[in-house]
């Protein structure tokens, strides 16, 4: 697994975008629809992702795996999945909790060539 994003749920995407861009000086990397914005962090390959659709979950990392469905099937009995694999624009996405209840998000890029 490789850390790709630090995920921060936000209540208001427009206000939060202005904060990270204008107050902190982060450069916007890309957007997905009206609910997700990512920022390039200085001197890092990891990006900050803010989103206003999962603000009922805690912040955490988003990790790249080879195949979300394979990871899910191998670990369904020993990890606490709170979101089964779903399609997202670049691939598949799922969420499980660590032993302290923190969400760990995983994704793959299996649909990237279809975009």
PDB file of N, CA and C in Angstrom:
ATOM      1  N   UNK A   1       0.848  -1.183   0.000  1.00  0.00           N
ATOM      2  CA  UNK A   1       0.000   0.000   0.000  1.00  0.00           C
ATOM      3  C   UNK A   1       0.890   1.241   0.000  1.00  0.00           C
ATOM      4  N   UNK A   2       0.470   2.206  -0.765  1.00  0.00           N
ATOM      5  CA  UNK A   2       1.198   3.466  -0.860  1.00  0.00           C
ATOM      6  C   UNK A   2       0.250   4.614  -0.519  1.00  0.00           C
ATOM      7  N   UNK A   3       0.689   5.519   0.355  1.00  0.00           N
ATOM      8  CA  UNK A   3      -0.122   6.669   0.719  1.00  0.00           C
ATOM      9  C   UNK A   3      -0.181   7.638  -0.455  1.00  0.00           C
ATOM     10  N   UNK A   4      -1.409   7.949  -0.913  1.00  0.00           N
ATOM     11  CA  UNK A   4      -1.609   8.892  -2.007  1.00  0.00           C
ATOM     12  C   UNK A   4      -2.150  10.233  -1.522  1.00  0.00           C
ATOM     13  N   UNK A   5      -3.133  10.169  -0.602  1.00  0.00           N
ATOM     14  CA  UNK A   5      -3.837  11.363  -0.166  1.00  0.00           C
ATOM     15  C   UNK A   5      -3.982  11.380   1.344  1.00  0.00           C
ATOM     16  N   UNK A   6      -4.005  12.582   1.895  1.00  0.00           N
ATOM     17  CA  UNK A   6      -4.535  12.807   3.229  1.00  0.00           C
ATOM     18  C   UNK A   6      -5.948  13.303   3.003  1.00  0.00           C
ATOM     19  N   UNK A   7      -6.900  12.615   3.564  1.00  0.00           N
ATOM     20  CA  UNK A   7      -8.314  12.915   3.337  1.00  0.00           C
ATOM     21  C   UNK A   7      -8.856  13.721   4.509  1.00  0.00           C
ATOM     22  N   UNK A   8      -9.435  14.888   4.196  1.00  0.00           N
ATOM     23  CA  UNK A   8     -10.065  15.718   5.219  1.00  0.00           C
ATOM     24  C   UNK A   8     -11.509  15.991   4.817  1.00  0.00           C
ATOM     25  N   UNK A   9     -12.465  15.452   5.562  1.00  0.00           N
ATOM     26  CA  UNK A   9     -13.858  15.795   5.303  1.00  0.00           C
ATOM     27  C   UNK A   9     -14.111  17.238   5.726  1.00  0.00           C
ATOM     28  N   UNK A  10     -14.898  17.943   4.944  1.00  0.00           N
ATOM     29  CA  UNK A  10     -15.207  19.337   5.238  1.00  0.00           C
ATOM     30  C   UNK A  10     -16.711  19.553   5.160  1.00  0.00           C
ATOM     31  N   UNK A  11     -17.186  20.596   5.809  1.00  0.00           N
ATOM     32  CA  UNK A  11     -18.611  20.906   5.776  1.00  0.00           C
ATOM     33  C   UNK A  11     -18.991  21.747   4.566  1.00  0.00           C
ATOM     34  N   UNK A  12     -18.093  22.636   4.149  1.00  0.00           N
ATOM     35  CA  UNK A  12     -18.395  23.525   3.036  1.00  0.00           C
ATOM     36  C   UNK A  12     -17.202  23.525   2.082  1.00  0.00           C
ATOM     37  N   UNK A  13     -17.367  22.938   0.909  1.00  0.00           N
ATOM     38  CA  UNK A  13     -16.253  22.765  -0.021  1.00  0.00           C
ATOM     39  C   UNK A  13     -15.722  24.104  -0.526  1.00  0.00           C
ATOM     40  N   UNK A  14     -16.599  25.072  -0.774  1.00  0.00           N
ATOM     41  CA  UNK A  14     -16.146  26.370  -1.292  1.00  0.00           C
ATOM     42  C   UNK A  14     -15.315  27.123  -0.249  1.00  0.00           C
ATOM     43  N   UNK A  15     -15.812  27.188   0.975  1.00  0.00           N
ATOM     44  CA  UNK A  15     -15.075  27.882   2.034  1.00  0.00           C
ATOM     45  C   UNK A  15     -13.756  27.171   2.338  1.00  0.00           C
ATOM     46  N   UNK A  16     -13.794  25.845   2.361  1.00  0.00           N
ATOM     47  CA  UNK A  16     -12.581  25.083   2.657  1.00  0.00           C
ATOM     48  C   UNK A  16     -11.558  25.209   1.538  1.00  0.00           C
ATOM     49  N   UNK A  17     -12.022  25.217   0.295  1.00  0.00           N
ATOM     50  CA  UNK A  17     -11.106  25.407  -0.835  1.00  0.00           C
ATOM     51  C   UNK A  17     -10.400  26.749  -0.713  1.00  0.00           C
ATOM     52  N   UNK A  18     -11.151  27.786  -0.396  1.00  0.00           N
ATOM     53  CA  UNK A  18     -10.561  29.115  -0.229  1.00  0.00           C
ATOM     54  C   UNK A  18      -9.545  29.111   0.906  1.00  0.00           C
ATOM     55  N   UNK A  19      -9.848  28.434   2.008  1.00  0.00           N
ATOM     56  CA  UNK A  19      -8.923  28.379   3.136  1.00  0.00           C
ATOM     57  C   UNK A  19      -7.600  27.726   2.745  1.00  0.00           C
ATOM     58  N   UNK A  20      -7.670  26.530   2.172  1.00  0.00           N
ATOM     59  CA  UNK A  20      -6.437  25.820   1.832  1.00  0.00           C
ATOM     60  C   UNK A  20      -5.663  26.520   0.718  1.00  0.00           C
ATOM     61  N   UNK A  21      -6.362  27.108  -0.228  1.00  0.00           N
ATOM     62  CA  UNK A  21      -5.713  27.800  -1.339  1.00  0.00           C
ATOM     63  C   UNK A  21      -5.183  29.166  -0.910  1.00  0.00           C
ATOM     64  N   UNK A  22      -6.048  29.981  -0.317  1.00  0.00           N
ATOM     65  CA  UNK A  22      -5.694  31.376  -0.048  1.00  0.00           C
ATOM     66  C   UNK A  22      -4.945  31.562   1.273  1.00  0.00           C
ATOM     67  N   UNK A  23      -5.408  30.931   2.328  1.00  0.00           N
ATOM     68  CA  UNK A  23      -4.762  31.116   3.633  1.00  0.00           C
ATOM     69  C   UNK A  23      -3.477  30.305   3.758  1.00  0.00           C
ATOM     70  N   UNK A  24      -3.484  29.073   3.219  1.00  0.00           N
ATOM     71  CA  UNK A  24      -2.305  28.215   3.355  1.00  0.00           C
ATOM     72  C   UNK A  24      -1.415  28.198   2.115  1.00  0.00           C
ATOM     73  N   UNK A  25      -1.938  28.685   0.996  1.00  0.00           N
ATOM     74  CA  UNK A  25      -1.130  28.765  -0.219  1.00  0.00           C
ATOM     75  C   UNK A  25      -0.950  27.468  -0.969  1.00  0.00           C
ATOM     76  N   UNK A  26      -1.796  26.450  -0.700  1.00  0.00           N
ATOM     77  CA  UNK A  26      -1.689  25.189  -1.429  1.00  0.00           C
ATOM     78  C   UNK A  26      -2.211  25.372  -2.850  1.00  0.00           C
ATOM     79  N   UNK A  27      -1.545  24.743  -3.794  1.00  0.00           N
ATOM     80  CA  UNK A  27      -1.972  24.815  -5.193  1.00  0.00           C
ATOM     81  C   UNK A  27      -2.944  23.682  -5.491  1.00  0.00           C
ATOM     82  N   UNK A  28      -4.042  24.049  -6.132  1.00  0.00           N
ATOM     83  CA  UNK A  28      -5.040  23.048  -6.495  1.00  0.00           C
ATOM     84  C   UNK A  28      -4.463  22.105  -7.547  1.00  0.00           C
ATOM     85  N   UNK A  29      -4.655  20.804  -7.331  1.00  0.00           N
ATOM     86  CA  UNK A  29      -4.160  19.786  -8.266  1.00  0.00           C
ATOM     87  C   UNK A  29      -5.256  19.363  -9.240  1.00  0.00           C
ATOM     88  N   UNK A  30      -6.449  19.049  -8.718  1.00  0.00           N
ATOM     89  CA  UNK A  30      -7.583  18.684  -9.559  1.00  0.00           C
ATOM     90  C   UNK A  30      -8.854  18.660  -8.732  1.00  0.00           C
ATOM     91  N   UNK A  31      -9.970  18.584  -9.449  1.00  0.00           N
ATOM     92  CA  UNK A  31     -11.301  18.508  -8.826  1.00  0.00           C
ATOM     93  C   UNK A  31     -12.050  17.328  -9.418  1.00  0.00           C
ATOM     94  N   UNK A  32     -12.975  16.819  -8.630  1.00  0.00           N
ATOM     95  CA  UNK A  32     -13.906  15.801  -9.114  1.00  0.00           C
ATOM     96  C   UNK A  32     -15.306  16.289  -8.774  1.00  0.00           C
ATOM     97  N   UNK A  33     -16.021  16.742  -9.778  1.00  0.00           N
ATOM     98  CA  UNK A  33     -17.370  17.249  -9.570  1.00  0.00           C
ATOM     99  C   UNK A  33     -17.386  18.470  -8.668  1.00  0.00           C
ATOM    100  N   UNK A  34     -18.480  18.612  -7.926  1.00  0.00           N
ATOM    101  CA  UNK A  34     -18.656  19.758  -7.038  1.00  0.00           C
ATOM    102  C   UNK A  34     -18.332  19.455  -5.584  1.00  0.00           C
ATOM    103  N   UNK A  35     -17.813  18.249  -5.305  1.00  0.00           N
ATOM    104  CA  UNK A  35     -17.656  17.838  -3.915  1.00  0.00           C
ATOM    105  C   UNK A  35     -16.239  17.462  -3.497  1.00  0.00           C
ATOM    106  N   UNK A  36     -15.299  17.404  -4.441  1.00  0.00           N
ATOM    107  CA  UNK A  36     -13.942  16.962  -4.130  1.00  0.00           C
ATOM    108  C   UNK A  36     -12.912  17.888  -4.762  1.00  0.00           C
ATOM    109  N   UNK A  37     -11.947  18.331  -3.953  1.00  0.00           N
ATOM    110  CA  UNK A  37     -10.832  19.147  -4.439  1.00  0.00           C
ATOM    111  C   UNK A  37      -9.560  18.581  -3.828  1.00  0.00           C
ATOM    112  N   UNK A  38      -8.504  18.484  -4.637  1.00  0.00           N
ATOM    113  CA  UNK A  38      -7.212  18.046  -4.107  1.00  0.00           C
ATOM    114  C   UNK A  38      -6.186  19.156  -4.282  1.00  0.00           C
ATOM    115  N   UNK A  39      -5.248  19.168  -3.357  1.00  0.00           N
ATOM    116  CA  UNK A  39      -4.175  20.167  -3.354  1.00  0.00           C
ATOM    117  C   UNK A  39      -2.828  19.467  -3.315  1.00  0.00           C
ATOM    118  N   UNK A  40      -1.888  20.031  -4.055  1.00  0.00           N
ATOM    119  CA  UNK A  40      -0.510  19.559  -3.987  1.00  0.00           C
ATOM    120  C   UNK A  40       0.113  20.108  -2.715  1.00  0.00           C
ATOM    121  N   UNK A  41       0.683  19.244  -1.908  1.00  0.00           N
ATOM    122  CA  UNK A  41       1.365  19.691  -0.701  1.00  0.00           C
ATOM    123  C   UNK A  41       2.809  20.025  -1.042  1.00  0.00           C
ATOM    124  N   UNK A  42       3.343  21.088  -0.478  1.00  0.00           N
ATOM    125  CA  UNK A  42       4.722  21.477  -0.792  1.00  0.00           C
ATOM    126  C   UNK A  42       5.715  20.357  -0.462  1.00  0.00           C
ATOM    127  N   UNK A  43       6.631  20.125  -1.380  1.00  0.00           N
ATOM    128  CA  UNK A  43       7.727  19.160  -1.181  1.00  0.00           C
ATOM    129  C   UNK A  43       7.242  17.754  -0.858  1.00  0.00           C
ATOM    130  N   UNK A  44       6.137  17.336  -1.460  1.00  0.00           N
ATOM    131  CA  UNK A  44       5.583  16.013  -1.169  1.00  0.00           C
ATOM    132  C   UNK A  44       4.854  15.461  -2.394  1.00  0.00           C
ATOM    133  N   UNK A  45       4.878  14.142  -2.533  1.00  0.00           N
ATOM    134  CA  UNK A  45       4.080  13.480  -3.562  1.00  0.00           C
ATOM    135  C   UNK A  45       2.657  13.216  -3.074  1.00  0.00           C
ATOM    136  N   UNK A  46       2.442  13.343  -1.765  1.00  0.00           N
ATOM    137  CA  UNK A  46       1.125  13.125  -1.179  1.00  0.00           C
ATOM    138  C   UNK A  46       0.296  14.392  -1.387  1.00  0.00           C
ATOM    139  N   UNK A  47      -0.967  14.202  -1.700  1.00  0.00           N
ATOM    140  CA  UNK A  47      -1.867  15.332  -1.895  1.00  0.00           C
ATOM    141  C   UNK A  47      -2.906  15.366  -0.783  1.00  0.00           C
ATOM    142  N   UNK A  48      -3.432  16.553  -0.549  1.00  0.00           N
ATOM    143  CA  UNK A  48      -4.520  16.731   0.402  1.00  0.00           C
ATOM    144  C   UNK A  48      -5.828  16.702  -0.380  1.00  0.00           C
ATOM    145  N   UNK A  49      -6.744  15.851   0.035  1.00  0.00           N
ATOM    146  CA  UNK A  49      -8.058  15.771  -0.603  1.00  0.00           C
ATOM    147  C   UNK A  49      -9.097  16.244   0.393  1.00  0.00           C
ATOM    148  N   UNK A  50      -9.903  17.212  -0.019  1.00  0.00           N
ATOM    149  CA  UNK A  50     -11.025  17.635   0.809  1.00  0.00           C
ATOM    150  C   UNK A  50     -12.305  17.267   0.075  1.00  0.00           C
ATOM    151  N   UNK A  51     -13.299  16.904   0.854  1.00  0.00           N
ATOM    152  CA  UNK A  51     -14.559  16.465   0.254  1.00  0.00           C
ATOM    153  C   UNK A  51     -15.680  16.728   1.242  1.00  0.00           C
ATOM    154  N   UNK A  52     -16.851  17.080   0.720  1.00  0.00           N
ATOM    155  CA  UNK A  52     -17.980  17.353   1.606  1.00  0.00           C
ATOM    156  C   UNK A  52     -19.065  16.279   1.533  1.00  0.00           C
ATOM    157  N   UNK A  53     -18.707  15.086   1.040  1.00  0.00           N
ATOM    158  CA  UNK A  53     -19.699  14.019   0.959  1.00  0.00           C
ATOM    159  C   UNK A  53     -19.556  12.966   2.060  1.00  0.00           C
ATOM    160  N   UNK A  54     -18.388  12.808   2.652  1.00  0.00           N
ATOM    161  CA  UNK A  54     -18.180  11.823   3.713  1.00  0.00           C
ATOM    162  C   UNK A  54     -17.775  12.518   5.010  1.00  0.00           C
ATOM    163  N   UNK A  55     -18.406  13.655   5.320  1.00  0.00           N
ATOM    164  CA  UNK A  55     -17.974  14.394   6.492  1.00  0.00           C
ATOM    165  C   UNK A  55     -18.432  13.772   7.809  1.00  0.00           C
ATOM    166  N   UNK A  56     -19.099  12.631   7.738  1.00  0.00           N
ATOM    167  CA  UNK A  56     -19.445  11.916   8.964  1.00  0.00           C
ATOM    168  C   UNK A  56     -18.316  10.973   9.398  1.00  0.00           C
ATOM    169  N   UNK A  57     -17.267  10.843   8.565  1.00  0.00           N
ATOM    170  CA  UNK A  57     -16.117  10.011   8.909  1.00  0.00           C
ATOM    171  C   UNK A  57     -14.929  10.890   9.287  1.00  0.00           C
ATOM    172  N   UNK A  58     -14.026  10.328  10.061  1.00  0.00           N
ATOM    173  CA  UNK A  58     -12.816  11.046  10.475  1.00  0.00           C
ATOM    174  C   UNK A  58     -11.852  11.211   9.300  1.00  0.00           C
ATOM    175  N   UNK A  59     -10.925  12.154   9.402  1.00  0.00           N
ATOM    176  CA  UNK A  59      -9.878  12.257   8.386  1.00  0.00           C
ATOM    177  C   UNK A  59      -8.967  11.039   8.450  1.00  0.00           C
ATOM    178  N   UNK A  60      -8.209  10.850   7.397  1.00  0.00           N
ATOM    179  CA  UNK A  60      -7.273   9.736   7.370  1.00  0.00           C
ATOM    180  C   UNK A  60      -6.576   9.629   6.034  1.00  0.00           C
ATOM    181  N   UNK A  61      -5.819   8.571   5.881  1.00  0.00           N
ATOM    182  CA  UNK A  61      -5.081   8.346   4.654  1.00  0.00           C
ATOM    183  C   UNK A  61      -5.911   7.622   3.612  1.00  0.00           C
ATOM    184  N   UNK A  62      -5.538   7.856   2.356  1.00  0.00           N
ATOM    185  CA  UNK A  62      -6.092   7.112   1.226  1.00  0.00           C
ATOM    186  C   UNK A  62      -4.907   6.395   0.594  1.00  0.00           C
ATOM    187  N   UNK A  63      -4.987   5.075   0.546  1.00  0.00           N
ATOM    188  CA  UNK A  63      -3.866   4.257   0.113  1.00  0.00           C
ATOM    189  C   UNK A  63      -4.159   3.576  -1.212  1.00  0.00           C
ATOM    190  N   UNK A  64      -3.156   3.513  -2.059  1.00  0.00           N
ATOM    191  CA  UNK A  64      -3.252   2.815  -3.332  1.00  0.00           C
ATOM    192  C   UNK A  64      -2.959   1.338  -3.113  1.00  0.00           C
ATOM    193  N   UNK A  65      -3.834   0.493  -3.633  1.00  0.00           N
ATOM    194  CA  UNK A  65      -3.613  -0.952  -3.662  1.00  0.00           C
ATOM    195  C   UNK A  65      -3.720  -1.399  -5.123  1.00  0.00           C
ATOM    196  N   UNK A  66      -3.191  -2.572  -5.412  1.00  0.00           N
ATOM    197  CA  UNK A  66      -3.236  -3.064  -6.792  1.00  0.00           C
ATOM    198  C   UNK A  66      -4.664  -3.270  -7.274  1.00  0.00           C
ATOM    199  N   UNK A  67      -5.486  -3.860  -6.408  1.00  0.00           N
ATOM    200  CA  UNK A  67      -6.854  -4.169  -6.798  1.00  0.00           C
ATOM    201  C   UNK A  67      -7.729  -4.168  -5.542  1.00  0.00           C
ATOM    202  N   UNK A  68      -8.646  -3.233  -5.456  1.00  0.00           N
ATOM    203  CA  UNK A  68      -9.504  -3.100  -4.271  1.00  0.00           C
ATOM    204  C   UNK A  68     -10.343  -4.354  -4.053  1.00  0.00           C
ATOM    205  N   UNK A  69     -10.901  -4.906  -5.129  1.00  0.00           N
ATOM    206  CA  UNK A  69     -11.743  -6.095  -4.969  1.00  0.00           C
ATOM    207  C   UNK A  69     -10.955  -7.278  -4.434  1.00  0.00           C
ATOM    208  N   UNK A  70      -9.736  -7.475  -4.921  1.00  0.00           N
ATOM    209  CA  UNK A  70      -8.899  -8.561  -4.402  1.00  0.00           C
ATOM    210  C   UNK A  70      -8.568  -8.325  -2.929  1.00  0.00           C
ATOM    211  N   UNK A  71      -8.195  -7.093  -2.573  1.00  0.00           N
ATOM    212  CA  UNK A  71      -7.885  -6.756  -1.188  1.00  0.00           C
ATOM    213  C   UNK A  71      -9.102  -7.020  -0.304  1.00  0.00           C
ATOM    214  N   UNK A  72     -10.258  -6.576  -0.750  1.00  0.00           N
ATOM    215  CA  UNK A  72     -11.504  -6.770  -0.009  1.00  0.00           C
ATOM    216  C   UNK A  72     -11.789  -8.258   0.197  1.00  0.00           C
ATOM    217  N   UNK A  73     -11.706  -9.024  -0.864  1.00  0.00           N
ATOM    218  CA  UNK A  73     -12.005 -10.465  -0.774  1.00  0.00           C
ATOM    219  C   UNK A  73     -11.018 -11.206   0.116  1.00  0.00           C
ATOM    220  N   UNK A  74      -9.751 -10.812   0.098  1.00  0.00           N
ATOM    221  CA  UNK A  74      -8.749 -11.453   0.956  1.00  0.00           C
ATOM    222  C   UNK A  74      -8.921 -11.082   2.423  1.00  0.00           C
ATOM    223  N   UNK A  75      -9.528  -9.916   2.703  1.00  0.00           N
ATOM    224  CA  UNK A  75      -9.565  -9.392   4.075  1.00  0.00           C
ATOM    225  C   UNK A  75     -10.958  -9.207   4.666  1.00  0.00           C
ATOM    226  N   UNK A  76     -11.992  -9.622   3.952  1.00  0.00           N
ATOM    227  CA  UNK A  76     -13.366  -9.403   4.421  1.00  0.00           C
ATOM    228  C   UNK A  76     -13.612 -10.022   5.798  1.00  0.00           C
ATOM    229  N   UNK A  77     -12.936 -11.115   6.116  1.00  0.00           N
ATOM    230  CA  UNK A  77     -13.176 -11.789   7.390  1.00  0.00           C
ATOM    231  C   UNK A  77     -12.346 -11.233   8.546  1.00  0.00           C
ATOM    232  N   UNK A  78     -11.285 -10.473   8.247  1.00  0.00           N
ATOM    233  CA  UNK A  78     -10.441 -10.000   9.348  1.00  0.00           C
ATOM    234  C   UNK A  78     -10.353  -8.477   9.460  1.00  0.00           C
ATOM    235  N   UNK A  79     -11.013  -7.737   8.562  1.00  0.00           N
ATOM    236  CA  UNK A  79     -11.055  -6.281   8.670  1.00  0.00           C
ATOM    237  C   UNK A  79     -12.506  -5.818   8.746  1.00  0.00           C
ATOM    238  N   UNK A  80     -12.722  -4.695   9.392  1.00  0.00           N
ATOM    239  CA  UNK A  80     -14.063  -4.133   9.570  1.00  0.00           C
ATOM    240  C   UNK A  80     -14.365  -3.136   8.435  1.00  0.00           C
ATOM    241  N   UNK A  81     -14.864  -3.655   7.318  1.00  0.00           N
ATOM    242  CA  UNK A  81     -15.193  -2.798   6.182  1.00  0.00           C
ATOM    243  C   UNK A  81     -16.487  -2.042   6.461  1.00  0.00           C
ATOM    244  N   UNK A  82     -16.429  -0.727   6.271  1.00  0.00           N
ATOM    245  CA  UNK A  82     -17.625   0.100   6.452  1.00  0.00           C
ATOM    246  C   UNK A  82     -18.153   0.604   5.110  1.00  0.00           C
ATOM    247  N   UNK A  83     -17.384   0.377   4.061  1.00  0.00           N
ATOM    248  CA  UNK A  83     -17.839   0.678   2.702  1.00  0.00           C
ATOM    249  C   UNK A  83     -17.264  -0.396   1.795  1.00  0.00           C
ATOM    250  N   UNK A  84     -18.147  -1.170   1.196  1.00  0.00           N
ATOM    251  CA  UNK A  84     -17.724  -2.199   0.251  1.00  0.00           C
ATOM    252  C   UNK A  84     -17.211  -1.531  -1.015  1.00  0.00           C
ATOM    253  N   UNK A  85     -16.458  -2.241  -1.827  1.00  0.00           N
ATOM    254  CA  UNK A  85     -15.914  -1.638  -3.055  1.00  0.00           C
ATOM    255  C   UNK A  85     -16.999  -1.032  -3.951  1.00  0.00           C
ATOM    256  N   UNK A  86     -16.693   0.177  -4.417  1.00  0.00           N
ATOM    257  CA  UNK A  86     -17.568   0.909  -5.341  1.00  0.00           C
ATOM    258  C   UNK A  86     -16.707   1.502  -6.450  1.00  0.00           C
ATOM    259  N   UNK A  87     -17.353   1.801  -7.569  1.00  0.00           N
ATOM    260  CA  UNK A  87     -16.662   2.466  -8.671  1.00  0.00           C
ATOM    261  C   UNK A  87     -16.501   3.943  -8.384  1.00  0.00           C
ATOM    262  N   UNK A  88     -15.332   4.460  -8.701  1.00  0.00           N
ATOM    263  CA  UNK A  88     -15.059   5.892  -8.724  1.00  0.00           C
ATOM    264  C   UNK A  88     -14.344   6.153 -10.046  1.00  0.00           C
ATOM    265  N   UNK A  89     -14.235   7.394 -10.476  1.00  0.00           N
ATOM    266  CA  UNK A  89     -13.674   7.635 -11.811  1.00  0.00           C
ATOM    267  C   UNK A  89     -12.365   6.906 -12.138  1.00  0.00           C
ATOM    268  N   UNK A  90     -11.355   6.887 -11.247  1.00  0.00           N
ATOM    269  CA  UNK A  90     -10.146   6.187 -11.696  1.00  0.00           C
ATOM    270  C   UNK A  90     -10.150   4.686 -11.458  1.00  0.00           C
ATOM    271  N   UNK A  91     -11.099   4.156 -10.671  1.00  0.00           N
ATOM    272  CA  UNK A  91     -11.055   2.722 -10.371  1.00  0.00           C
ATOM    273  C   UNK A  91     -12.089   2.289  -9.357  1.00  0.00           C
ATOM    274  N   UNK A  92     -11.613   1.642  -8.295  1.00  0.00           N
ATOM    275  CA  UNK A  92     -12.485   1.139  -7.250  1.00  0.00           C
ATOM    276  C   UNK A  92     -12.015   1.698  -5.916  1.00  0.00           C
ATOM    277  N   UNK A  93     -12.953   1.744  -4.935  1.00  0.00           N
ATOM    278  CA  UNK A  93     -12.719   2.416  -3.667  1.00  0.00           C
ATOM    279  C   UNK A  93     -13.452   1.656  -2.582  1.00  0.00           C
ATOM    280  N   UNK A  94     -12.848   1.555  -1.395  1.00  0.00           N
ATOM    281  CA  UNK A  94     -13.486   0.931  -0.235  1.00  0.00           C
ATOM    282  C   UNK A  94     -12.900   1.559   1.029  1.00  0.00           C
ATOM    283  N   UNK A  95     -13.587   1.340   2.156  1.00  0.00           N
ATOM    284  CA  UNK A  95     -13.133   1.872   3.439  1.00  0.00           C
ATOM    285  C   UNK A  95     -13.273   0.786   4.500  1.00  0.00           C
ATOM    286  N   UNK A  96     -12.250   0.653   5.320  1.00  0.00           N
ATOM    287  CA  UNK A  96     -12.348  -0.194   6.508  1.00  0.00           C
ATOM    288  C   UNK A  96     -11.812   0.581   7.699  1.00  0.00           C
ATOM    289  N   UNK A  97     -12.070   0.086   8.899  1.00  0.00           N
ATOM    290  CA  UNK A  97     -11.616   0.757  10.120  1.00  0.00           C
ATOM    291  C   UNK A  97     -10.452  -0.009  10.734  1.00  0.00           C
ATOM    292  N   UNK A  98      -9.521   0.750  11.325  1.00  0.00           N
ATOM    293  CA  UNK A  98      -8.471   0.099  12.092  1.00  0.00           C
ATOM    294  C   UNK A  98      -9.021  -0.267  13.474  1.00  0.00           C
ATOM    295  N   UNK A  99      -8.187  -0.811  14.328  1.00  0.00           N
ATOM    296  CA  UNK A  99      -8.687  -1.295  15.620  1.00  0.00           C
ATOM    297  C   UNK A  99      -9.122  -0.179  16.557  1.00  0.00           C
ATOM    298  N   UNK A 100      -8.779   1.070  16.227  1.00  0.00           N
ATOM    299  CA  UNK A 100      -9.222   2.219  17.024  1.00  0.00           C
ATOM    300  C   UNK A 100     -10.417   2.926  16.412  1.00  0.00           C
ATOM    301  N   UNK A 101     -10.921   2.401  15.305  1.00  0.00           N
ATOM    302  CA  UNK A 101     -12.088   2.994  14.658  1.00  0.00           C
ATOM    303  C   UNK A 101     -11.777   4.046  13.618  1.00  0.00           C
ATOM    304  N   UNK A 102     -10.498   4.241  13.299  1.00  0.00           N
ATOM    305  CA  UNK A 102     -10.115   5.218  12.275  1.00  0.00           C
ATOM    306  C   UNK A 102     -10.342   4.643  10.880  1.00  0.00           C
ATOM    307  N   UNK A 103     -10.921   5.433   9.976  1.00  0.00           N
ATOM    308  CA  UNK A 103     -11.142   4.920   8.624  1.00  0.00           C
ATOM    309  C   UNK A 103      -9.847   4.857   7.821  1.00  0.00           C
ATOM    310  N   UNK A 104      -9.687   3.761   7.111  1.00  0.00           N
ATOM    311  CA  UNK A 104      -8.583   3.596   6.168  1.00  0.00           C
ATOM    312  C   UNK A 104      -9.219   3.402   4.805  1.00  0.00           C
ATOM    313  N   UNK A 105      -8.939   4.326   3.917  1.00  0.00           N
ATOM    314  CA  UNK A 105      -9.520   4.302   2.582  1.00  0.00           C
ATOM    315  C   UNK A 105      -8.513   3.683   1.617  1.00  0.00           C
ATOM    316  N   UNK A 106      -9.017   2.825   0.747  1.00  0.00           N
ATOM    317  CA  UNK A 106      -8.149   2.223  -0.268  1.00  0.00           C
ATOM    318  C   UNK A 106      -8.759   2.468  -1.640  1.00  0.00           C
ATOM    319  N   UNK A 107      -7.896   2.591  -2.628  1.00  0.00           N
ATOM    320  CA  UNK A 107      -8.377   2.744  -3.990  1.00  0.00           C
ATOM    321  C   UNK A 107      -7.396   2.090  -4.945  1.00  0.00           C
ATOM    322  N   UNK A 108      -7.889   1.842  -6.142  1.00  0.00           N
ATOM    323  CA  UNK A 108      -7.021   1.368  -7.215  1.00  0.00           C
ATOM    324  C   UNK A 108      -7.314   2.198  -8.454  1.00  0.00           C
ATOM    325  N   UNK A 109      -6.492   2.017  -9.456  1.00  0.00           N
ATOM    326  CA  UNK A 109      -6.658   2.761 -10.708  1.00  0.00           C
ATOM    327  C   UNK A 109      -7.072   1.828 -11.843  1.00  0.00           C
ATOM    328  N   UNK A 110      -7.901   0.849 -11.551  1.00  0.00           N
ATOM    329  CA  UNK A 110      -8.273  -0.149 -12.555  1.00  0.00           C
ATOM    330  C   UNK A 110      -9.129   0.409 -13.676  1.00  0.00           C
ATOM    331  N   UNK A 111      -9.801   1.538 -13.478  1.00  0.00           N
ATOM    332  CA  UNK A 111     -10.622   2.138 -14.540  1.00  0.00           C
ATOM    333  C   UNK A 111      -9.950   3.335 -15.186  1.00  0.00           C
ATOM    334  N   UNK A 112      -8.710   3.604 -14.808  1.00  0.00           N
ATOM    335  CA  UNK A 112      -8.029   4.808 -15.300  1.00  0.00           C
ATOM    336  C   UNK A 112      -7.944   4.833 -16.820  1.00  0.00           C
ATOM    337  N   UNK A 113      -7.702   3.695 -17.437  1.00  0.00           N
ATOM    338  CA  UNK A 113      -7.590   3.665 -18.895  1.00  0.00           C
ATOM    339  C   UNK A 113      -8.938   3.903 -19.582  1.00  0.00           C
ATOM    340  N   UNK A 114     -10.052   3.781 -18.846  1.00  0.00           N
ATOM    341  CA  UNK A 114     -11.368   3.979 -19.418  1.00  0.00           C
ATOM    342  C   UNK A 114     -11.784   5.449 -19.400  1.00  0.00           C
ATOM    343  N   UNK A 115     -11.037   6.280 -18.691  1.00  0.00           N
ATOM    344  CA  UNK A 115     -11.408   7.695 -18.552  1.00  0.00           C
ATOM    345  C   UNK A 115     -10.954   8.470 -19.777  1.00  0.00           C
TER     346      UNK A 115
END
